[in-house]
Structure formats: structure tokens, C-alpha cells
Amino acid sequence: MSEQPRRRPAPKTGTGKQAKPYRRPQKDPVRMLAFEALRAVDERDAYANLVLPPLLKKARQDEKFQARDAALATELVYGTLRRQGTYDAVIAACVDRPLREVDPPVLDVLSLGAHQLLGTRIPTHAAVSASVELARVVLGDGRAKFVNAVLRKIAAHDLDGWLERVAPPYEEDAEEHLAVYHSHPRWVVSALWDALGGGRAGIEDLLEADNERPEVTLVARPGRSTPEELVEALGEESALPGRWSPYAVRMAEGGEPGALEAVREGRAGVQDEGSQLVAMALAAVPVEGRDERWLDGCAGPGGKAALLGALAARRGAFLLASEKQPHRARLVEKALSGNPGPYQVIAADGTRPAWLPGSFDRVLMDVPCSGLGALRRRPEARWRRRPEDLEGFAPLQRALLREALSAVRVGGVVGYATCSPHLAETRVVVEDVLRGRGAGHSPVAAELVDARPYMEGVPALGDGPDVQLWPHLHGTDAMYLALLRRTA
């Protein structure tokens, strides 16, 4: 027999006690999954709503991974991203170096730990020990000690206690106070406040709404499905009617939309009620003369196009859905597949149209934008965007609106829409195009149509004629819509 290797005696500590034997770190699948999602968001500029589902799908292959584990992983990812600004301020108060000098993976573990301590009901000891164990797995024992020390400092106060310490008083710096309290970049707070107007209460309600988990809203595409079918499939206890759209059904308890037959078959889809209202308003405004040809000029990924196509089919109208990016055009084709009326999907640049001027009776131009209206769904976007990004969108938004007004015939209507409430992406764009501002451009022969009557029953739509929806007032994304009628 071969001789067994001798065990080394455990080293003695200064107190005469033996040190604890080394223990391998234990992998916690929930926190590992959350960490992987945050690293993807940070390293690859990925979106959590695209990264998380495949990670959860892979995790569910293990029978030990339960529904409650998926719910916790989802909360850890989205909660950490939503509160990143607040947690950064807290962590910065607990470390002896600028946050930019803390390795991003370490900062992700600290942020996950901070959220468990300050944003959930997980007991303090469990939040700290689980985060340190995660650090041992993904960072190593040395940096795990740093994580442990920082989290124990964070655990000394609750969220309210920390906010009193790290946020300036409202009276001294209102925007920075709101930025830290509600975890938005200062420039976003300023832009939203300008668009919203009013005093402190309104902007605080809006910022709080941005940090709430949004409901999953379905659309029953007319002529292909009904809200009643969706309610029956979900069960009455799990379904709520839409607030404003007759085609909307809200999933009260979350769940998987893809499990519904109508969604799998494309007869229904996931669509925020704000987007539904935009499409419905464009379809509802009267046009003079014929009403046979509709255009969705920025159709990807296809949600509005599918609803527009169904509404057009009811009148026997043809829908052309155009999308510049071929892969997004394929998504539009999938969304429109099975539409009861005539339609065509093309890959084309809306600023270099593949159609003749005056070809359409109704045109929807839902332009690319900063996405500041959908921060509930993509919380990481608030940290990714910069004020200078708007300068990049501005020429494209103006060019697309000008081409939309060229594409519609005299008497026809254009809907200019964007999922941003920023004035530079909404009213300023419309006013500049109508007045011909900018080198080489002339005023456009068009007039604004009051959009409010075409969102019947929706309150708090402002003074018009354009409409700005808000998460805190309407429970929707912050969609903007201006309706313009071509006059010559």
C-alpha cells in the first residue's frame, strides 16, 4: 500500500487557538445568476430584460431552482439597477477610495449586497453572509474580506438613515437631492422636471413611478383575439382590464406571456398601454377623402405595426411597415404574420423613402429616441444615456418627421411619437419642423391636430394639442404623441 500523505497541522493563532480549516465557497445559484446579469449589463451594454430570460431558462433546468428563486433573482437584478445611483452614494461613503477606482465586479457584488440590506426584507446577517460568499466565489477570498467590511458598514443604517447622510437637503440643492433619493442622474431629473412642470410633488411621484416594477400588459389584436380570450386563458384572478385601451389586459401576477396560446400564435402580444393609445389615436383621427393606405415608418420591433395593421384591416386599408434594420424588419414581419388585412413589410430608411411623396393617408413615425420614457422597463438606460446623446438623435428625428409629412397626402394625418418626455425630443422637434428651422429647410404646410379627443377617457392630458403620457398619472410609459394634418 502506498503511504498516505501527512496532513499539515493547522497554524496556531496568537490566542493559542487553531485557525478554522479552509472551507470552499458555496455557489448560490440565485445570486450567481444576478451577478452574471449585472456583469453583462456593465461589460456588454446589454439590457437586463434581454439578458435575464435566457439565464432564468437555463437555471430552471435544475429542478432545485424554484419559482421563488426566479422571483428573487429578478428582484435582485432590477432592484439593484433601479437603485444604482442611491447605492453608489452609500457605498462611496463606506470606502476609502473613489468609486471609479473600485473594480466593476467588486462594485456589482457590493451593489447586490446593498440592495439586499437596504431594499429587501432579507435579514441583515443573511444578506451580508450571502454576499460575502458570492464574493469568495467570483472575486476570491482577499476581496471578499473587503466586501465584508463595506457591507457591515452599510448595515449600520437603514435606507432612510443613509439618505439623510448622503443626499443634500432639498432646500440647498433640489435636483441633487431628488437624484440621490430617487436614483436618477441629475440631468435626467432636470429634463423630466422641465417636461412635467409643476412643483416638488409631481416630480417626486414621477421618479418614484420610474422605480416601480411595471405590470405586464397584453394587447388583444382586433379581429384576431379578444380581451375576453386573454382573461379566460389567464384566469380572472390573474388578469385585470386595461385602464384606457379596450384591447388591453394586465397580468396581475406577472407570469410568462409566452405561455398563452394567443401570444404564441401572434394574435396577441405584449404592449404597453401607452403604445396602444398612440396607435389607436392615429387610427381614430378623421382624414379627408380616401382612407386606404397607411404607413408605419419606423416599425421595428412591430408592436404598433401589428395593432395598426389590425385596425387598418377593419377598414380594408393597406399597411406598409418600413424598418431600416433588416433584423428588426424580420421581427415586424413576425408580428404582422396572420394579419387579416393587406400589408407589406420592407427594410428601408425612413429618411430616404422607398415610396413616392403623398402616397399615404395616415403615417405613424415612432422615432428612435433616448428611451427616457421607459425607465421602468429598462432601468439601466438612465445610467447609460448622456445629455449629448440627444444631440445625436435630433437630426434623425427631424428628418424622419419631415419625410413623414412628405409621405402623407394633403388632408392626411401624421402621428409623431416617441418614448421620451424630453422636450428636445418632443415639442421642440415638432416646432422646428413646422417652422422650417435649420439650414436649408422651409416651413412645412401642416397644422397640429388636438390629439386629446382621440384618447377618450384618459385624464390629465394637459393643454394640448399634443399629448404626453406619464407613468405616475396614467400607469403607462411616458409616450409622446403629436398629430399633424398636411394642409398643402
Protein backbone atom coordinates (compact mmCIF):
# COMPACT_ATOMS: atom_id res chain seq x y z
CA MET A 1 0.00 0.00 0.00
CA SER A 2 1.18 3.48 -0.77
CA GLU A 3 1.88 5.71 2.15
CA GLN A 4 -0.86 8.23 2.93
CA PRO A 5 0.29 11.88 2.76
CA ARG A 6 0.62 13.56 6.10
CA ARG A 7 -1.79 16.31 6.99
CA ARG A 8 -0.19 19.61 7.85
CA PRO A 9 -1.10 20.80 11.34
CA ALA A 10 -3.33 23.86 11.36
CA PRO A 11 -1.36 27.00 12.22
CA LYS A 12 -1.92 28.47 15.65
CA THR A 13 -3.31 31.94 16.16
CA GLY A 14 -1.94 34.46 18.61
CA THR A 15 -4.50 33.35 21.21
CA GLY A 16 -3.36 29.79 21.11
CA LYS A 17 -6.42 28.65 19.19
CA GLN A 18 -6.23 26.77 15.94
CA ALA A 19 -7.43 28.64 12.81
CA LYS A 20 -10.55 27.37 11.16
CA PRO A 21 -9.86 24.90 8.36
CA TYR A 22 -10.31 26.30 4.85
CA ARG A 23 -13.85 25.93 3.52
CA ARG A 24 -14.62 26.07 -0.15
CA PRO A 25 -17.08 28.83 -1.03
CA GLN A 26 -20.57 27.63 -1.79
CA LYS A 27 -22.24 28.74 -5.00
CA ASP A 28 -25.67 30.29 -4.52
CA PRO A 29 -27.44 29.87 -7.91
CA VAL A 30 -29.75 32.85 -7.35
CA ARG A 31 -27.02 35.35 -6.54
CA MET A 32 -24.66 33.92 -9.14
CA LEU A 33 -27.35 34.44 -11.76
CA ALA A 34 -27.97 38.02 -10.59
CA PHE A 35 -24.24 38.75 -10.66
CA GLU A 36 -23.90 37.34 -14.20
CA ALA A 37 -26.77 39.54 -15.39
CA LEU A 38 -25.24 42.68 -13.87
CA ARG A 39 -21.86 41.90 -15.40
CA ALA A 40 -23.48 41.52 -18.84
CA VAL A 41 -25.21 44.89 -18.43
CA ASP A 42 -21.93 46.51 -17.39
CA GLU A 43 -19.48 44.81 -19.74
CA ARG A 44 -21.56 44.45 -22.91
CA ASP A 45 -24.05 47.32 -22.54
CA ALA A 46 -26.70 44.61 -22.58
CA TYR A 47 -30.26 45.22 -21.42
CA ALA A 48 -31.44 43.30 -18.39
CA ASN A 49 -34.77 42.46 -19.99
CA LEU A 50 -32.87 40.66 -22.77
CA VAL A 51 -30.14 39.07 -20.64
CA LEU A 52 -32.24 37.78 -17.75
CA PRO A 53 -34.77 35.49 -19.52
CA PRO A 54 -32.16 33.10 -21.04
CA LEU A 55 -30.29 32.98 -17.73
CA LEU A 56 -33.51 32.08 -15.93
CA LYS A 57 -34.37 29.50 -18.57
CA LYS A 58 -31.01 27.81 -18.12
CA ALA A 59 -31.35 27.90 -14.32
CA ARG A 60 -34.79 26.25 -14.46
CA GLN A 61 -33.19 23.17 -15.94
CA ASP A 62 -32.14 22.39 -12.39
CA GLU A 63 -35.18 21.01 -10.55
CA LYS A 64 -33.95 22.62 -7.33
CA PHE A 65 -34.34 26.09 -8.86
CA GLN A 66 -37.87 27.07 -7.87
CA ALA A 67 -40.23 29.82 -8.94
CA ARG A 68 -39.39 31.79 -5.80
CA ASP A 69 -35.70 31.62 -6.79
CA ALA A 70 -36.51 33.13 -10.18
CA ALA A 71 -38.54 35.86 -8.49
CA LEU A 72 -35.68 36.68 -6.11
CA ALA A 73 -33.10 36.74 -8.91
CA THR A 74 -35.32 39.09 -10.92
CA GLU A 75 -35.79 41.40 -7.94
CA LEU A 76 -32.05 41.46 -7.21
CA VAL A 77 -31.18 42.42 -10.80
CA TYR A 78 -33.86 45.03 -11.41
CA GLY A 79 -33.81 46.40 -7.88
CA THR A 80 -30.04 46.86 -7.99
CA LEU A 81 -30.17 48.60 -11.37
CA ARG A 82 -33.03 50.89 -10.38
CA ARG A 83 -31.35 51.98 -7.16
CA GLN A 84 -27.80 52.06 -8.54
CA GLY A 85 -27.39 55.82 -8.03
CA THR A 86 -28.51 55.66 -4.41
CA TYR A 87 -26.39 52.61 -3.64
CA ASP A 88 -23.35 54.19 -5.29
CA ALA A 89 -23.70 57.17 -2.94
CA VAL A 90 -23.95 54.85 0.07
CA ILE A 91 -21.04 52.66 -1.00
CA ALA A 92 -18.93 55.76 -1.69
CA ALA A 93 -19.46 56.81 1.93
CA CYS A 94 -18.17 53.43 3.12
CA VAL A 95 -14.97 53.04 1.10
CA ASP A 96 -11.69 54.91 1.29
CA ARG A 97 -11.28 55.49 -2.43
CA PRO A 98 -13.29 56.97 -5.33
CA LEU A 99 -15.81 54.51 -6.76
CA ARG A 100 -14.11 54.69 -10.16
CA GLU A 101 -11.10 53.00 -8.52
CA VAL A 102 -13.20 50.06 -7.28
CA ASP A 103 -13.12 47.16 -9.75
CA PRO A 104 -16.52 46.87 -11.50
CA PRO A 105 -17.09 43.22 -10.46
CA VAL A 106 -16.45 44.19 -6.84
CA LEU A 107 -18.83 47.11 -7.18
CA ASP A 108 -21.50 44.79 -8.61
CA VAL A 109 -21.21 42.46 -5.60
CA LEU A 110 -21.36 45.45 -3.24
CA SER A 111 -24.42 46.83 -5.05
CA LEU A 112 -26.18 43.48 -4.85
CA GLY A 113 -25.38 43.34 -1.15
CA ALA A 114 -26.54 46.92 -0.62
CA HIS A 115 -29.86 46.17 -2.28
CA GLN A 116 -30.41 43.13 -0.07
CA LEU A 117 -29.62 45.21 3.01
CA LEU A 118 -31.48 48.40 2.12
CA GLY A 119 -34.11 47.40 -0.45
CA THR A 120 -35.42 43.99 0.62
CA ARG A 121 -36.63 42.19 3.73
CA ILE A 122 -33.72 39.76 3.72
CA PRO A 123 -32.28 39.65 7.27
CA THR A 124 -29.05 41.57 7.73
CA HIS A 125 -26.92 38.56 8.65
CA ALA A 126 -28.21 36.59 5.66
CA ALA A 127 -27.67 39.49 3.24
CA VAL A 128 -24.09 40.01 4.39
CA SER A 129 -23.11 36.34 4.56
CA ALA A 130 -24.66 35.52 1.17
CA SER A 131 -22.91 38.50 -0.46
CA VAL A 132 -19.55 37.60 1.08
CA GLU A 133 -19.97 34.01 -0.07
CA LEU A 134 -20.71 35.29 -3.59
CA ALA A 135 -17.58 37.44 -3.38
CA ARG A 136 -15.50 34.40 -2.40
CA VAL A 137 -16.77 32.55 -5.48
CA VAL A 138 -16.40 35.31 -8.08
CA LEU A 139 -13.69 37.55 -6.59
CA GLY A 140 -11.59 35.41 -4.27
CA ASP A 141 -11.06 35.37 -0.52
CA GLY A 142 -8.96 38.53 -0.41
CA ARG A 143 -11.51 40.85 -1.97
CA ALA A 144 -14.31 39.03 -0.14
CA LYS A 145 -12.85 40.49 3.08
CA PHE A 146 -13.16 43.98 1.59
CA VAL A 147 -16.78 43.25 0.63
CA ASN A 148 -17.50 42.01 4.14
CA ALA A 149 -16.06 45.16 5.73
CA VAL A 150 -18.00 47.51 3.45
CA LEU A 151 -21.31 45.69 3.83
CA ARG A 152 -21.02 45.71 7.61
CA LYS A 153 -20.68 49.49 7.44
CA ILE A 154 -23.74 49.70 5.17
CA ALA A 155 -25.71 47.52 7.57
CA ALA A 156 -25.27 50.12 10.31
CA HIS A 157 -28.20 52.18 8.94
CA ASP A 158 -31.41 51.56 7.02
CA LEU A 159 -32.19 53.24 3.69
CA ASP A 160 -33.80 56.32 5.23
CA GLY A 161 -30.86 56.72 7.58
CA TRP A 162 -28.40 56.58 4.70
CA LEU A 163 -30.39 59.01 2.56
CA GLU A 164 -30.24 61.56 5.35
CA ARG A 165 -26.46 61.16 5.34
CA VAL A 166 -25.65 61.09 1.62
CA ALA A 167 -28.28 63.32 -0.03
CA PRO A 168 -28.06 67.12 0.24
CA PRO A 169 -31.10 68.86 1.75
CA TYR A 170 -33.82 69.68 -0.77
CA GLU A 171 -33.66 73.36 0.16
CA GLU A 172 -29.95 73.54 -0.69
CA ASP A 173 -29.91 71.57 -3.95
CA ALA A 174 -33.30 70.28 -5.06
CA GLU A 175 -32.14 68.43 -8.18
CA GLU A 176 -29.26 66.62 -6.48
CA HIS A 177 -31.50 65.75 -3.52
CA LEU A 178 -34.03 64.15 -5.86
CA ALA A 179 -31.28 62.47 -7.90
CA VAL A 180 -29.87 60.68 -4.85
CA TYR A 181 -33.21 59.95 -3.16
CA HIS A 182 -34.81 58.54 -6.31
CA SER A 183 -31.74 57.15 -8.07
CA HIS A 184 -31.78 59.11 -11.33
CA PRO A 185 -28.88 61.03 -12.90
CA ARG A 186 -29.18 64.70 -12.11
CA TRP A 187 -29.55 65.70 -15.77
CA VAL A 188 -32.47 63.27 -16.16
CA VAL A 189 -34.18 64.73 -13.10
CA SER A 190 -33.78 68.20 -14.60
CA ALA A 191 -35.11 67.14 -18.01
CA LEU A 192 -38.12 65.30 -16.59
CA TRP A 193 -38.94 68.22 -14.30
CA ASP A 194 -38.83 70.65 -17.23
CA ALA A 195 -41.16 68.43 -19.27
CA LEU A 196 -43.54 67.81 -16.39
CA GLY A 197 -43.62 71.30 -14.92
CA GLY A 198 -45.14 71.96 -11.52
CA GLY A 199 -43.65 71.64 -8.08
CA ARG A 200 -41.96 69.03 -5.94
CA ALA A 201 -44.87 66.61 -5.51
CA GLY A 202 -45.29 65.86 -9.22
CA ILE A 203 -41.64 65.20 -9.97
CA GLU A 204 -41.27 63.00 -6.88
CA ASP A 205 -44.32 60.97 -7.92
CA LEU A 206 -42.82 60.54 -11.40
CA LEU A 207 -39.40 59.48 -10.12
CA GLU A 208 -40.98 57.03 -7.69
CA ALA A 209 -43.07 55.56 -10.53
CA ASP A 210 -39.90 55.06 -12.57
CA ASN A 211 -38.59 52.86 -9.75
CA GLU A 212 -41.66 50.64 -9.54
CA ARG A 213 -41.88 47.30 -11.28
CA PRO A 214 -44.20 47.77 -14.29
CA GLU A 215 -47.11 45.48 -14.97
CA VAL A 216 -47.01 43.19 -17.97
CA THR A 217 -49.69 44.47 -20.35
CA LEU A 218 -51.06 42.45 -23.25
CA VAL A 219 -52.85 43.62 -26.36
CA ALA A 220 -55.57 41.55 -28.00
CA ARG A 221 -55.15 42.40 -31.67
CA PRO A 222 -58.56 43.29 -33.12
CA GLY A 223 -60.02 40.66 -35.40
CA ARG A 224 -57.53 38.09 -34.19
CA SER A 225 -58.10 37.89 -30.44
CA THR A 226 -60.21 39.47 -27.71
CA PRO A 227 -59.53 40.64 -24.17
CA GLU A 228 -62.06 38.06 -23.02
CA GLU A 229 -59.95 35.27 -24.53
CA LEU A 230 -56.88 36.52 -22.70
CA VAL A 231 -58.71 36.86 -19.39
CA GLU A 232 -60.05 33.33 -19.72
CA ALA A 233 -56.58 31.98 -20.51
CA LEU A 234 -55.01 33.81 -17.57
CA GLY A 235 -57.83 33.21 -15.13
CA GLU A 236 -59.89 36.04 -13.69
CA GLU A 237 -57.75 36.24 -10.56
CA SER A 238 -54.62 36.80 -12.64
CA ALA A 239 -55.99 39.33 -15.12
CA LEU A 240 -57.03 42.96 -14.90
CA PRO A 241 -58.68 45.03 -17.63
CA GLY A 242 -56.67 47.76 -19.27
CA ARG A 243 -57.03 51.21 -17.79
CA TRP A 244 -57.59 53.02 -21.08
CA SER A 245 -57.30 50.72 -24.09
CA PRO A 246 -60.23 48.40 -24.92
CA TYR A 247 -57.70 45.90 -26.26
CA ALA A 248 -55.52 45.79 -23.14
CA VAL A 249 -55.31 43.14 -20.41
CA ARG A 250 -52.90 43.50 -17.48
CA MET A 251 -51.25 40.44 -15.98
CA ALA A 252 -51.89 40.99 -12.27
CA GLU A 253 -49.42 38.38 -11.03
CA GLY A 254 -46.69 38.57 -13.63
CA GLY A 255 -46.19 35.22 -15.30
CA GLU A 256 -44.98 34.21 -18.73
CA PRO A 257 -46.87 35.86 -21.63
CA GLY A 258 -45.37 33.31 -23.98
CA ALA A 259 -47.32 30.57 -22.21
CA LEU A 260 -50.56 31.95 -23.68
CA GLU A 261 -51.69 30.38 -26.93
CA ALA A 262 -52.84 33.72 -28.38
CA VAL A 263 -49.40 35.25 -27.77
CA ARG A 264 -47.55 32.26 -29.23
CA GLU A 265 -49.73 32.47 -32.35
CA GLY A 266 -49.24 36.23 -32.72
CA ARG A 267 -52.92 37.03 -32.23
CA ALA A 268 -51.97 38.94 -29.08
CA GLY A 269 -48.74 40.44 -27.82
CA VAL A 270 -47.00 42.26 -25.03
CA GLN A 271 -47.53 46.01 -25.47
CA ASP A 272 -47.59 48.90 -23.04
CA GLU A 273 -50.91 50.70 -22.94
CA GLY A 274 -49.22 53.96 -23.91
CA SER A 275 -48.12 52.42 -27.19
CA GLN A 276 -51.63 51.10 -27.78
CA LEU A 277 -53.09 54.56 -27.20
CA VAL A 278 -50.71 56.12 -29.75
CA ALA A 279 -51.71 53.67 -32.47
CA MET A 280 -55.40 53.99 -31.63
CA ALA A 281 -55.28 57.80 -31.71
CA LEU A 282 -53.68 57.86 -35.15
CA ALA A 283 -56.34 55.46 -36.40
CA ALA A 284 -59.18 57.48 -34.83
CA VAL A 285 -58.46 60.99 -36.11
CA PRO A 286 -60.62 61.80 -39.17
CA VAL A 287 -58.97 62.24 -42.58
CA GLU A 288 -60.48 63.98 -45.55
CA GLY A 289 -61.34 61.80 -48.54
CA ARG A 290 -59.86 58.36 -49.00
CA ASP A 291 -58.52 56.23 -46.18
CA GLU A 292 -56.84 53.33 -47.96
CA ARG A 293 -53.06 53.44 -47.38
CA TRP A 294 -51.31 53.59 -44.01
CA LEU A 295 -47.58 53.72 -43.26
CA ASP A 296 -45.61 52.80 -40.15
CA GLY A 297 -42.29 54.43 -40.99
CA CYS A 298 -40.22 53.15 -38.02
CA ALA A 299 -41.97 49.85 -37.47
CA GLY A 300 -39.45 47.77 -35.50
CA PRO A 301 -39.89 45.65 -33.48
CA GLY A 302 -43.52 45.51 -34.64
CA GLY A 303 -45.90 46.04 -31.71
CA LYS A 304 -47.52 49.22 -33.01
CA ALA A 305 -47.43 47.91 -36.57
CA ALA A 306 -49.38 44.80 -35.55
CA LEU A 307 -52.07 46.89 -33.84
CA LEU A 308 -52.18 49.39 -36.71
CA GLY A 309 -52.43 46.55 -39.20
CA ALA A 310 -55.38 45.06 -37.34
CA LEU A 311 -57.13 48.44 -37.15
CA ALA A 312 -56.43 49.11 -40.85
CA ALA A 313 -57.83 45.71 -41.78
CA ARG A 314 -61.18 46.65 -40.25
CA ARG A 315 -61.47 49.41 -42.86
CA GLY A 316 -59.98 47.47 -45.71
CA ALA A 317 -56.88 49.66 -45.66
CA PHE A 318 -53.38 48.57 -46.65
CA LEU A 319 -50.46 48.94 -44.22
CA LEU A 320 -46.85 49.38 -45.30
CA ALA A 321 -44.48 48.70 -42.41
CA SER A 322 -40.96 50.00 -43.00
CA GLU A 323 -37.95 49.36 -40.78
CA LYS A 324 -34.35 50.32 -41.55
CA GLN A 325 -32.63 47.40 -39.80
CA PRO A 326 -33.19 44.07 -41.58
CA HIS A 327 -33.20 42.01 -38.36
CA ARG A 328 -35.83 44.31 -36.87
CA ALA A 329 -37.80 44.16 -40.11
CA ARG A 330 -37.97 40.39 -39.64
CA LEU A 331 -39.46 40.96 -36.19
CA VAL A 332 -42.09 43.22 -37.77
CA GLU A 333 -42.88 40.52 -40.32
CA LYS A 334 -43.35 38.03 -37.50
CA ALA A 335 -45.61 40.41 -35.58
CA LEU A 336 -47.78 41.07 -38.64
CA SER A 337 -47.91 37.46 -39.78
CA GLY A 338 -51.54 36.41 -39.97
CA ASN A 339 -52.84 39.99 -40.11
CA PRO A 340 -56.39 39.84 -41.52
CA GLY A 341 -55.84 42.75 -43.90
CA PRO A 342 -53.36 43.53 -46.69
CA TYR A 343 -49.88 44.58 -45.60
CA GLN A 344 -46.25 44.63 -46.68
CA VAL A 345 -43.02 44.79 -44.66
CA ILE A 346 -39.90 46.33 -46.17
CA ALA A 347 -36.40 47.13 -44.93
CA ALA A 348 -35.96 50.79 -45.83
CA ASP A 349 -34.57 54.01 -44.38
CA GLY A 350 -37.35 56.42 -43.49
CA THR A 351 -35.09 59.38 -44.25
CA ARG A 352 -34.56 58.03 -47.80
CA PRO A 353 -38.06 56.79 -48.52
CA ALA A 354 -38.84 53.92 -50.84
CA TRP A 355 -42.25 55.47 -51.65
CA LEU A 356 -43.50 58.48 -53.58
CA PRO A 357 -44.50 61.71 -51.83
CA GLY A 358 -48.16 61.94 -50.91
CA SER A 359 -48.69 58.17 -51.08
CA PHE A 360 -50.39 57.64 -47.72
CA ASP A 361 -53.47 58.71 -45.83
CA ARG A 362 -52.07 58.03 -42.36
CA VAL A 363 -48.44 57.85 -41.27
CA LEU A 364 -47.01 56.83 -37.90
CA MET A 365 -43.42 57.86 -37.21
CA ASP A 366 -42.35 56.47 -33.83
CA VAL A 367 -38.80 57.78 -33.93
CA PRO A 368 -35.62 56.45 -32.30
CA CYS A 369 -35.00 58.33 -29.05
CA SER A 370 -33.29 58.31 -25.67
CA GLY A 371 -35.91 55.97 -24.17
CA LEU A 372 -36.29 58.11 -21.05
CA GLY A 373 -39.99 57.32 -21.09
CA ALA A 374 -39.43 53.62 -20.41
CA LEU A 375 -37.08 53.75 -17.43
CA ARG A 376 -39.41 51.43 -15.50
CA ARG A 377 -38.70 48.68 -18.02
CA ARG A 378 -35.06 49.47 -18.77
CA PRO A 379 -33.67 50.97 -15.57
CA GLU A 380 -30.09 50.67 -16.82
CA ALA A 381 -30.86 53.16 -19.62
CA ARG A 382 -30.83 56.04 -17.14
CA TRP A 383 -27.16 55.34 -16.35
CA ARG A 384 -26.19 54.62 -19.94
CA ARG A 385 -27.58 57.74 -21.58
CA ARG A 386 -25.77 61.09 -21.59
CA PRO A 387 -27.14 64.58 -22.39
CA GLU A 388 -25.05 64.67 -25.55
CA ASP A 389 -26.90 61.59 -26.84
CA LEU A 390 -29.88 63.82 -27.57
CA GLU A 391 -27.77 65.84 -29.98
CA GLY A 392 -27.21 62.65 -31.95
CA PHE A 393 -30.91 61.81 -32.10
CA ALA A 394 -32.06 65.33 -33.02
CA PRO A 395 -31.16 65.41 -36.75
CA LEU A 396 -32.64 61.95 -37.30
CA GLN A 397 -35.89 62.79 -35.51
CA ARG A 398 -36.37 65.95 -37.56
CA ALA A 399 -35.52 64.20 -40.81
CA LEU A 400 -37.99 61.39 -40.12
CA LEU A 401 -40.80 63.81 -39.28
CA ARG A 402 -40.15 65.86 -42.43
CA GLU A 403 -40.25 62.73 -44.57
CA ALA A 404 -43.43 61.57 -42.82
CA LEU A 405 -45.12 64.86 -43.71
CA SER A 406 -43.89 64.46 -47.28
CA ALA A 407 -45.21 60.89 -47.44
CA VAL A 408 -48.76 61.82 -46.40
CA ARG A 409 -51.20 63.35 -48.89
CA VAL A 410 -52.93 66.69 -48.39
CA GLY A 411 -55.66 66.15 -45.80
CA GLY A 412 -53.93 63.09 -44.37
CA VAL A 413 -52.51 62.80 -40.86
CA VAL A 414 -49.08 62.08 -39.38
CA GLY A 415 -48.52 60.82 -35.85
CA TYR A 416 -45.12 61.79 -34.46
CA ALA A 417 -44.42 59.58 -31.46
CA THR A 418 -41.52 58.97 -29.14
CA CYS A 419 -40.96 57.08 -25.90
CA SER A 420 -39.37 60.08 -24.25
CA PRO A 421 -40.82 63.09 -22.48
CA HIS A 422 -37.66 65.17 -23.02
CA LEU A 423 -38.72 68.45 -24.64
CA ALA A 424 -35.77 68.30 -27.03
CA GLU A 425 -37.23 65.07 -28.48
CA THR A 426 -40.89 66.09 -28.44
CA ARG A 427 -42.28 69.60 -28.81
CA VAL A 428 -39.02 71.16 -29.93
CA VAL A 429 -38.74 68.69 -32.82
CA VAL A 430 -42.32 69.32 -33.96
CA GLU A 431 -42.00 73.10 -33.72
CA ASP A 432 -38.68 73.15 -35.57
CA VAL A 433 -40.05 71.07 -38.46
CA LEU A 434 -43.27 73.06 -38.76
CA ARG A 435 -41.40 76.37 -38.77
CA GLY A 436 -38.60 75.21 -41.05
CA ARG A 437 -35.85 75.81 -38.53
CA GLY A 438 -32.45 74.56 -39.59
CA ALA A 439 -30.21 75.25 -42.54
CA GLY A 440 -31.81 74.52 -45.89
CA HIS A 441 -35.30 73.77 -44.58
CA SER A 442 -38.55 75.59 -45.25
CA PRO A 443 -41.74 75.67 -43.14
CA VAL A 444 -43.99 72.66 -43.68
CA ALA A 445 -47.61 73.13 -44.76
CA ALA A 446 -49.19 71.27 -41.86
CA GLU A 447 -51.16 72.04 -38.74
CA LEU A 448 -51.32 70.45 -35.32
CA VAL A 449 -54.47 68.49 -34.54
CA ASP A 450 -55.65 68.28 -30.94
CA ALA A 451 -54.78 64.69 -30.00
CA ARG A 452 -56.66 64.67 -26.69
CA PRO A 453 -60.14 63.78 -28.04
CA TYR A 454 -58.65 60.66 -29.63
CA MET A 455 -57.55 59.31 -26.26
CA GLU A 456 -61.07 59.19 -24.95
CA GLY A 457 -61.43 58.73 -21.21
CA VAL A 458 -57.74 59.29 -20.46
CA PRO A 459 -57.36 62.07 -17.83
CA ALA A 460 -54.63 64.64 -17.23
CA LEU A 461 -53.61 65.08 -20.86
CA GLY A 462 -52.55 68.68 -20.41
CA ASP A 463 -53.38 71.73 -22.50
CA GLY A 464 -52.82 70.07 -25.89
CA PRO A 465 -52.75 69.95 -28.78
CA ASP A 466 -50.07 67.30 -28.29
CA VAL A 467 -50.22 64.63 -25.59
CA GLN A 468 -47.66 63.47 -23.04
CA LEU A 469 -48.45 60.33 -21.07
CA TRP A 470 -46.79 59.68 -17.68
CA PRO A 471 -46.13 56.59 -15.55
CA HIS A 472 -47.39 58.22 -12.34
CA LEU A 473 -50.54 59.69 -13.91
CA HIS A 474 -51.53 57.04 -16.45
CA GLY A 475 -49.66 53.87 -15.47
CA THR A 476 -48.04 53.82 -18.91
CA ASP A 477 -44.63 54.52 -20.34
CA ALA A 478 -44.04 58.24 -20.92
CA MET A 479 -45.15 58.20 -24.56
CA TYR A 480 -45.47 61.43 -26.51
CA LEU A 481 -47.79 61.99 -29.48
CA ALA A 482 -48.33 64.92 -31.81
CA LEU A 483 -50.89 64.66 -34.62
CA LEU A 484 -50.24 66.80 -37.71
CA ARG A 485 -52.53 67.27 -40.73
CA ARG A 486 -50.97 68.08 -44.11
CA THR A 487 -52.59 71.23 -45.48
CA ALA A 488 -50.87 71.76 -48.83
